[in-house]
């Protein structure tokens, strides 16, 4: 069998073995990301209250780790399921970018002595990622009805 062109970068055979559980892994990491988002927000508020400027507010490592893991899983899913993976990867990259800018907004709020707001755009992006990840992982539940409509 001829190897795929990019097989030297990613073990495609290994990804095909876990292709069945990959959507569930993505869903679990999305839920973990939502949990770490809540914990990160609490940490940012506490850090802003304790510190005098934006230097006291630092990134929440567990949340950043789930972001990186989510991006990696989304790109892995792109290799296994090109269409669904690309849609998921687009949503996850949007979430990653919104998280980056939301953290910078929290630092600006801390620097100016403002109340630390919730990360509204990241919450919305998380909801979109959660909805699509749940659709991908739990499609077997709606497949009979989906087949009647589509």
N, C-alpha and C. Protein backbone atom coordinates (compact mmCIF):
# COMPACT_ATOMS: atom_id res chain seq x y z
N UNK A 1 0.84 -1.19 0.00
CA UNK A 1 0.00 0.00 0.00
C UNK A 1 0.88 1.24 0.00
N UNK A 2 0.55 2.19 -0.84
CA UNK A 2 1.31 3.43 -0.96
C UNK A 2 0.98 4.37 0.20
N UNK A 3 2.00 4.94 0.88
CA UNK A 3 1.70 5.87 1.98
C UNK A 3 1.10 7.17 1.46
N UNK A 4 0.28 7.78 2.27
CA UNK A 4 -0.31 9.07 1.91
C UNK A 4 0.78 10.13 1.90
N UNK A 5 0.63 11.21 1.13
CA UNK A 5 1.69 12.22 1.01
C UNK A 5 2.14 12.82 2.35
N UNK A 6 1.25 13.03 3.28
CA UNK A 6 1.62 13.66 4.54
C UNK A 6 1.76 12.67 5.68
N UNK A 7 1.87 11.40 5.36
CA UNK A 7 1.92 10.39 6.41
C UNK A 7 3.21 10.49 7.23
N UNK A 8 4.25 11.10 6.70
CA UNK A 8 5.46 11.25 7.48
C UNK A 8 5.28 12.29 8.60
N UNK A 9 4.31 13.17 8.48
CA UNK A 9 4.04 14.16 9.51
C UNK A 9 3.09 13.66 10.58
N UNK A 10 2.05 12.96 10.15
CA UNK A 10 1.01 12.50 11.07
C UNK A 10 0.79 11.01 10.83
N UNK A 11 0.76 10.22 11.88
CA UNK A 11 0.50 8.79 11.69
C UNK A 11 -0.97 8.55 11.36
N UNK A 12 -1.29 8.60 10.07
CA UNK A 12 -2.68 8.49 9.62
C UNK A 12 -3.29 7.17 10.05
N UNK A 13 -2.53 6.10 10.00
CA UNK A 13 -3.04 4.80 10.41
C UNK A 13 -3.47 4.80 11.87
N UNK A 14 -2.70 5.46 12.71
CA UNK A 14 -3.06 5.54 14.13
C UNK A 14 -4.32 6.38 14.32
N UNK A 15 -4.48 7.42 13.52
CA UNK A 15 -5.69 8.24 13.62
C UNK A 15 -6.92 7.47 13.17
N UNK A 16 -6.77 6.62 12.17
CA UNK A 16 -7.91 5.82 11.71
C UNK A 16 -8.37 4.84 12.78
N UNK A 17 -7.44 4.40 13.62
CA UNK A 17 -7.80 3.48 14.70
C UNK A 17 -8.69 4.17 15.73
N UNK A 18 -8.41 5.44 16.02
CA UNK A 18 -9.18 6.17 17.03
C UNK A 18 -10.27 7.04 16.42
N UNK A 19 -10.52 6.88 15.12
CA UNK A 19 -11.51 7.73 14.44
C UNK A 19 -12.89 7.62 15.05
N UNK A 20 -13.25 6.46 15.56
CA UNK A 20 -14.58 6.28 16.15
C UNK A 20 -14.78 7.02 17.46
N UNK A 21 -13.71 7.17 18.22
CA UNK A 21 -13.83 7.84 19.53
C UNK A 21 -13.40 9.30 19.47
N UNK A 22 -12.84 9.74 18.36
CA UNK A 22 -12.37 11.12 18.25
C UNK A 22 -13.47 12.15 18.47
N UNK A 23 -14.68 11.99 17.91
CA UNK A 23 -15.73 12.97 18.20
C UNK A 23 -16.10 13.03 19.68
N UNK A 24 -16.06 11.88 20.36
CA UNK A 24 -16.36 11.87 21.80
C UNK A 24 -15.25 12.54 22.59
N UNK A 25 -14.00 12.33 22.15
CA UNK A 25 -12.87 13.00 22.81
C UNK A 25 -12.98 14.51 22.65
N UNK A 26 -13.36 14.95 21.46
CA UNK A 26 -13.55 16.39 21.23
C UNK A 26 -14.64 16.92 22.14
N UNK A 27 -15.75 16.21 22.25
CA UNK A 27 -16.85 16.65 23.11
C UNK A 27 -16.41 16.75 24.57
N UNK A 28 -15.65 15.78 25.04
CA UNK A 28 -15.17 15.81 26.42
C UNK A 28 -14.23 17.00 26.64
N UNK A 29 -13.35 17.26 25.68
CA UNK A 29 -12.42 18.39 25.82
C UNK A 29 -13.17 19.72 25.74
N UNK A 30 -14.21 19.80 24.93
CA UNK A 30 -15.03 21.03 24.87
C UNK A 30 -15.70 21.27 26.22
N UNK A 31 -16.24 20.22 26.83
CA UNK A 31 -16.85 20.38 28.15
C UNK A 31 -15.81 20.76 29.19
N UNK A 32 -14.62 20.17 29.11
CA UNK A 32 -13.54 20.54 30.03
C UNK A 32 -13.13 21.99 29.80
N UNK A 33 -13.14 22.42 28.55
CA UNK A 33 -12.81 23.81 28.23
C UNK A 33 -13.82 24.77 28.83
N UNK A 34 -15.09 24.40 28.81
CA UNK A 34 -16.11 25.24 29.43
C UNK A 34 -15.89 25.34 30.94
N UNK A 35 -15.55 24.22 31.56
CA UNK A 35 -15.28 24.22 33.00
C UNK A 35 -14.07 25.09 33.33
N UNK A 36 -13.00 24.93 32.56
CA UNK A 36 -11.81 25.74 32.83
C UNK A 36 -12.06 27.22 32.52
N UNK A 37 -12.99 27.50 31.61
CA UNK A 37 -13.33 28.91 31.34
C UNK A 37 -13.95 29.57 32.57
N UNK A 38 -14.82 28.84 33.25
CA UNK A 38 -15.44 29.36 34.48
C UNK A 38 -14.37 29.58 35.55
N UNK A 39 -13.49 28.59 35.71
CA UNK A 39 -12.43 28.71 36.70
C UNK A 39 -11.45 29.83 36.35
N UNK A 40 -11.16 29.99 35.07
CA UNK A 40 -10.27 31.06 34.64
C UNK A 40 -10.88 32.43 34.93
N UNK A 41 -12.17 32.58 34.68
CA UNK A 41 -12.82 33.86 34.95
C UNK A 41 -12.75 34.21 36.42
N UNK A 42 -13.00 33.22 37.29
CA UNK A 42 -12.89 33.46 38.73
C UNK A 42 -11.46 33.87 39.10
N UNK A 43 -10.50 33.22 38.49
CA UNK A 43 -9.09 33.54 38.78
C UNK A 43 -8.75 34.95 38.31
N UNK A 44 -9.23 35.34 37.14
CA UNK A 44 -8.95 36.68 36.63
C UNK A 44 -9.54 37.75 37.54
N UNK A 45 -10.76 37.52 38.01
CA UNK A 45 -11.40 38.48 38.92
C UNK A 45 -10.60 38.59 40.21
N UNK A 46 -10.20 37.45 40.76
CA UNK A 46 -9.43 37.45 42.00
C UNK A 46 -8.08 38.13 41.80
N UNK A 47 -7.40 37.83 40.71
CA UNK A 47 -6.10 38.44 40.44
C UNK A 47 -6.22 39.94 40.25
N UNK A 48 -7.27 40.39 39.58
CA UNK A 48 -7.47 41.82 39.36
C UNK A 48 -7.76 42.53 40.68
N UNK A 49 -8.51 41.88 41.58
CA UNK A 49 -8.81 42.48 42.88
C UNK A 49 -7.56 42.57 43.76
N UNK A 50 -6.70 41.57 43.67
CA UNK A 50 -5.51 41.53 44.51
C UNK A 50 -4.39 42.42 43.98
N UNK A 51 -4.29 42.56 42.66
CA UNK A 51 -3.19 43.32 42.07
C UNK A 51 -3.57 44.77 41.84
N UNK A 52 -2.54 45.56 41.52
CA UNK A 52 -2.76 46.98 41.27
C UNK A 52 -2.92 47.30 39.79
N UNK A 53 -2.36 46.47 38.94
CA UNK A 53 -2.47 46.74 37.51
C UNK A 53 -2.64 45.42 36.75
N UNK A 54 -2.46 45.48 35.44
CA UNK A 54 -2.71 44.30 34.62
C UNK A 54 -1.62 43.23 34.75
N UNK A 55 -0.50 43.56 35.35
CA UNK A 55 0.57 42.56 35.52
C UNK A 55 0.15 41.44 36.46
N UNK A 56 -0.81 41.71 37.34
CA UNK A 56 -1.27 40.69 38.28
C UNK A 56 -2.13 39.63 37.58
N UNK A 57 -2.73 39.99 36.45
CA UNK A 57 -3.60 39.06 35.73
C UNK A 57 -2.74 38.23 34.78
N UNK A 58 -2.74 36.92 35.00
CA UNK A 58 -1.95 36.03 34.15
C UNK A 58 -2.86 34.94 33.58
N UNK A 59 -2.40 34.35 32.50
CA UNK A 59 -3.19 33.31 31.84
C UNK A 59 -3.39 32.12 32.77
N UNK A 60 -4.56 31.50 32.65
CA UNK A 60 -4.91 30.34 33.46
C UNK A 60 -4.46 29.10 32.69
N UNK A 61 -3.41 28.46 33.17
CA UNK A 61 -2.76 27.37 32.43
C UNK A 61 -3.69 26.21 32.06
N UNK A 62 -4.56 25.72 32.96
CA UNK A 62 -5.46 24.62 32.53
C UNK A 62 -6.36 25.01 31.36
N UNK A 63 -6.81 26.26 31.34
CA UNK A 63 -7.67 26.70 30.24
C UNK A 63 -6.87 26.78 28.93
N UNK A 64 -5.66 27.29 29.02
CA UNK A 64 -4.82 27.36 27.83
C UNK A 64 -4.48 25.96 27.32
N UNK A 65 -4.28 25.02 28.24
CA UNK A 65 -3.99 23.63 27.85
C UNK A 65 -5.18 23.01 27.12
N UNK A 66 -6.39 23.25 27.62
CA UNK A 66 -7.56 22.69 26.93
C UNK A 66 -7.76 23.36 25.57
N UNK A 67 -7.41 24.64 25.46
CA UNK A 67 -7.49 25.31 24.16
C UNK A 67 -6.55 24.65 23.15
N UNK A 68 -5.31 24.42 23.56
CA UNK A 68 -4.33 23.82 22.65
C UNK A 68 -4.74 22.39 22.30
N UNK A 69 -5.21 21.63 23.29
CA UNK A 69 -5.66 20.26 23.03
C UNK A 69 -6.87 20.25 22.09
N UNK A 70 -7.75 21.21 22.26
CA UNK A 70 -8.93 21.30 21.40
C UNK A 70 -8.54 21.60 19.95
N UNK A 71 -7.58 22.49 19.77
CA UNK A 71 -7.10 22.80 18.41
C UNK A 71 -6.46 21.55 17.80
N UNK A 72 -5.63 20.85 18.56
CA UNK A 72 -4.98 19.64 18.05
C UNK A 72 -6.00 18.57 17.68
N UNK A 73 -7.00 18.37 18.53
CA UNK A 73 -8.03 17.37 18.23
C UNK A 73 -8.86 17.77 17.01
N UNK A 74 -9.14 19.06 16.88
CA UNK A 74 -9.92 19.51 15.72
C UNK A 74 -9.16 19.26 14.43
N UNK A 75 -7.86 19.52 14.43
CA UNK A 75 -7.08 19.27 13.22
C UNK A 75 -6.91 17.77 12.97
N UNK A 76 -6.83 16.98 14.04
CA UNK A 76 -6.78 15.52 13.86
C UNK A 76 -8.09 15.03 13.26
N UNK A 77 -9.19 15.63 13.69
CA UNK A 77 -10.48 15.23 13.14
C UNK A 77 -10.60 15.63 11.67
N UNK A 78 -9.91 16.70 11.28
CA UNK A 78 -9.91 17.12 9.88
C UNK A 78 -9.29 16.05 8.99
N UNK A 79 -8.30 15.35 9.52
CA UNK A 79 -7.65 14.30 8.74
C UNK A 79 -8.58 13.09 8.59
N UNK A 80 -9.30 12.76 9.67
CA UNK A 80 -10.15 11.58 9.67
C UNK A 80 -11.48 11.84 8.96
N UNK A 81 -12.12 12.97 9.27
CA UNK A 81 -13.39 13.35 8.66
C UNK A 81 -13.21 14.74 8.04
N UNK A 82 -12.83 14.83 6.78
CA UNK A 82 -12.48 16.13 6.21
C UNK A 82 -13.56 17.20 6.34
N UNK A 83 -14.81 16.89 6.02
CA UNK A 83 -15.84 17.92 6.07
C UNK A 83 -16.17 18.34 7.50
N UNK A 84 -16.55 17.39 8.33
CA UNK A 84 -16.89 17.70 9.71
C UNK A 84 -15.71 18.25 10.48
N UNK A 85 -14.52 17.75 10.20
CA UNK A 85 -13.33 18.24 10.88
C UNK A 85 -12.99 19.67 10.50
N UNK A 86 -13.20 20.01 9.23
CA UNK A 86 -12.91 21.38 8.80
C UNK A 86 -13.88 22.37 9.43
N UNK A 87 -15.15 22.01 9.50
CA UNK A 87 -16.12 22.88 10.17
C UNK A 87 -15.75 23.04 11.64
N UNK A 88 -15.44 21.94 12.30
CA UNK A 88 -15.05 22.00 13.70
C UNK A 88 -13.77 22.80 13.89
N UNK A 89 -12.78 22.59 13.03
CA UNK A 89 -11.52 23.32 13.14
C UNK A 89 -11.74 24.82 12.98
N UNK A 90 -12.61 25.21 12.07
CA UNK A 90 -12.92 26.63 11.88
C UNK A 90 -13.53 27.22 13.14
N UNK A 91 -14.48 26.51 13.74
CA UNK A 91 -15.11 26.98 14.97
C UNK A 91 -14.10 27.03 16.12
N UNK A 92 -13.25 26.03 16.22
CA UNK A 92 -12.27 25.97 17.31
C UNK A 92 -11.22 27.08 17.16
N UNK A 93 -10.77 27.34 15.94
CA UNK A 93 -9.81 28.43 15.75
C UNK A 93 -10.47 29.76 16.09
N UNK A 94 -11.74 29.93 15.75
CA UNK A 94 -12.46 31.13 16.16
C UNK A 94 -12.53 31.26 17.67
N UNK A 95 -12.76 30.15 18.35
CA UNK A 95 -12.78 30.14 19.81
C UNK A 95 -11.41 30.50 20.37
N UNK A 96 -10.36 29.94 19.78
CA UNK A 96 -8.99 30.20 20.22
C UNK A 96 -8.66 31.69 20.09
N UNK A 97 -9.01 32.28 18.96
CA UNK A 97 -8.73 33.70 18.73
C UNK A 97 -9.55 34.57 19.68
N UNK A 98 -10.83 34.23 19.88
CA UNK A 98 -11.65 35.02 20.80
C UNK A 98 -11.13 34.91 22.23
N UNK A 99 -10.65 33.74 22.63
CA UNK A 99 -10.05 33.59 23.95
C UNK A 99 -8.82 34.49 24.11
N UNK A 100 -8.01 34.55 23.07
CA UNK A 100 -6.81 35.39 23.12
C UNK A 100 -7.20 36.85 23.35
N UNK A 101 -8.15 37.35 22.58
CA UNK A 101 -8.53 38.75 22.71
C UNK A 101 -9.33 39.02 23.98
N UNK A 102 -10.11 38.05 24.42
CA UNK A 102 -10.84 38.24 25.68
C UNK A 102 -9.88 38.35 26.86
N UNK A 103 -8.80 37.58 26.86
CA UNK A 103 -7.82 37.70 27.93
C UNK A 103 -7.18 39.08 27.91
N UNK A 104 -6.85 39.57 26.73
CA UNK A 104 -6.27 40.91 26.64
C UNK A 104 -7.27 41.97 27.12
N UNK A 105 -8.55 41.76 26.86
CA UNK A 105 -9.57 42.68 27.35
C UNK A 105 -9.63 42.67 28.87
N UNK A 106 -9.47 41.48 29.48
CA UNK A 106 -9.45 41.40 30.95
C UNK A 106 -8.26 42.18 31.52
N UNK A 107 -7.13 42.13 30.83
CA UNK A 107 -5.95 42.88 31.28
C UNK A 107 -6.19 44.39 31.18
N UNK A 108 -6.85 44.83 30.12
CA UNK A 108 -7.16 46.25 29.97
C UNK A 108 -8.11 46.69 31.08
N UNK A 109 -9.11 45.86 31.37
CA UNK A 109 -10.04 46.20 32.45
C UNK A 109 -9.31 46.28 33.79
N UNK A 110 -8.39 45.37 34.04
CA UNK A 110 -7.62 45.40 35.29
C UNK A 110 -6.72 46.64 35.34
N UNK A 111 -6.11 46.98 34.23
CA UNK A 111 -5.22 48.14 34.17
C UNK A 111 -5.97 49.43 34.45
N UNK A 112 -7.20 49.54 33.96
CA UNK A 112 -7.98 50.76 34.12
C UNK A 112 -8.86 50.75 35.36
N UNK A 113 -8.75 49.70 36.18
CA UNK A 113 -9.53 49.63 37.41
C UNK A 113 -11.01 49.39 37.18
N UNK A 114 -11.36 48.83 36.05
CA UNK A 114 -12.76 48.55 35.73
C UNK A 114 -13.17 47.20 36.29
N UNK A 115 -14.47 46.97 36.31
CA UNK A 115 -14.98 45.66 36.72
C UNK A 115 -14.63 44.63 35.64
N UNK A 116 -14.18 43.47 36.07
CA UNK A 116 -13.82 42.41 35.13
C UNK A 116 -15.10 41.77 34.60
N UNK A 117 -15.32 41.89 33.28
CA UNK A 117 -16.53 41.35 32.67
C UNK A 117 -16.35 39.90 32.27
N UNK A 118 -17.46 39.26 31.98
CA UNK A 118 -17.42 37.90 31.46
C UNK A 118 -16.96 37.93 30.00
N UNK A 119 -16.29 36.89 29.55
CA UNK A 119 -15.82 36.85 28.15
C UNK A 119 -16.96 36.48 27.20
N UNK A 120 -17.76 37.46 26.83
CA UNK A 120 -18.99 37.21 26.08
C UNK A 120 -18.75 36.55 24.72
N UNK A 121 -17.79 37.05 23.97
CA UNK A 121 -17.56 36.47 22.64
C UNK A 121 -17.02 35.05 22.75
N UNK A 122 -16.18 34.79 23.73
CA UNK A 122 -15.64 33.43 23.91
C UNK A 122 -16.73 32.48 24.39
N UNK A 123 -17.65 32.98 25.19
CA UNK A 123 -18.77 32.14 25.63
C UNK A 123 -19.65 31.77 24.44
N UNK A 124 -19.91 32.74 23.57
CA UNK A 124 -20.70 32.47 22.37
C UNK A 124 -19.98 31.47 21.45
N UNK A 125 -18.68 31.68 21.26
CA UNK A 125 -17.90 30.76 20.43
C UNK A 125 -17.89 29.36 21.05
N UNK A 126 -17.80 29.29 22.37
CA UNK A 126 -17.84 27.99 23.06
C UNK A 126 -19.17 27.29 22.84
N UNK A 127 -20.24 28.06 22.85
CA UNK A 127 -21.56 27.47 22.63
C UNK A 127 -21.66 26.88 21.22
N UNK A 128 -21.11 27.59 20.23
CA UNK A 128 -21.11 27.07 18.87
C UNK A 128 -20.27 25.80 18.76
N UNK A 129 -19.09 25.81 19.37
CA UNK A 129 -18.22 24.62 19.33
C UNK A 129 -18.89 23.46 20.05
N UNK A 130 -19.51 23.74 21.20
CA UNK A 130 -20.20 22.68 21.94
C UNK A 130 -21.34 22.10 21.12
N UNK A 131 -22.13 22.96 20.48
CA UNK A 131 -23.25 22.47 19.67
C UNK A 131 -22.76 21.58 18.53
N UNK A 132 -21.71 22.01 17.84
CA UNK A 132 -21.24 21.21 16.71
C UNK A 132 -20.55 19.93 17.17
N UNK A 133 -19.78 20.01 18.25
CA UNK A 133 -19.12 18.81 18.78
C UNK A 133 -20.15 17.80 19.27
N UNK A 134 -21.21 18.29 19.90
CA UNK A 134 -22.28 17.39 20.35
C UNK A 134 -22.99 16.78 19.15
N UNK A 135 -23.20 17.57 18.11
CA UNK A 135 -23.82 17.05 16.88
C UNK A 135 -22.96 15.94 16.28
N UNK A 136 -21.66 16.16 16.21
CA UNK A 136 -20.75 15.16 15.65
C UNK A 136 -20.72 13.88 16.49
N UNK A 137 -20.64 14.05 17.81
CA UNK A 137 -20.48 12.89 18.70
C UNK A 137 -21.79 12.14 18.91
N UNK A 138 -22.89 12.87 18.98
CA UNK A 138 -24.17 12.26 19.34
C UNK A 138 -25.11 12.14 18.14
N UNK A 139 -24.55 12.16 16.94
CA UNK A 139 -25.38 12.10 15.74
C UNK A 139 -26.19 10.82 15.67
N UNK A 140 -25.67 9.74 16.23
CA UNK A 140 -26.38 8.46 16.19
C UNK A 140 -27.74 8.55 16.89
N UNK A 141 -27.91 9.51 17.79
CA UNK A 141 -29.19 9.67 18.48
C UNK A 141 -30.26 10.30 17.58
N UNK A 142 -29.83 11.18 16.68
CA UNK A 142 -30.78 11.87 15.81
C UNK A 142 -30.76 11.36 14.38
N UNK A 143 -29.91 10.39 14.10
CA UNK A 143 -29.75 9.90 12.73
C UNK A 143 -31.05 9.41 12.10
N UNK A 144 -31.91 8.66 12.81
CA UNK A 144 -33.16 8.22 12.17
C UNK A 144 -34.05 9.40 11.76
N UNK A 145 -34.13 10.40 12.60
CA UNK A 145 -34.96 11.57 12.30
C UNK A 145 -34.30 12.43 11.23
N UNK A 146 -32.99 12.52 11.28
CA UNK A 146 -32.25 13.31 10.31
C UNK A 146 -32.44 12.72 8.91
N UNK A 147 -32.43 11.41 8.82
CA UNK A 147 -32.62 10.74 7.54
C UNK A 147 -34.00 10.98 6.95
N UNK A 148 -35.00 11.17 7.79
CA UNK A 148 -36.35 11.44 7.29
C UNK A 148 -36.47 12.86 6.76
N UNK A 149 -35.72 13.78 7.34
CA UNK A 149 -35.82 15.18 6.94
C UNK A 149 -34.92 15.48 5.75
N UNK A 150 -33.71 14.97 5.80
CA UNK A 150 -32.72 15.33 4.76
C UNK A 150 -32.67 14.32 3.67
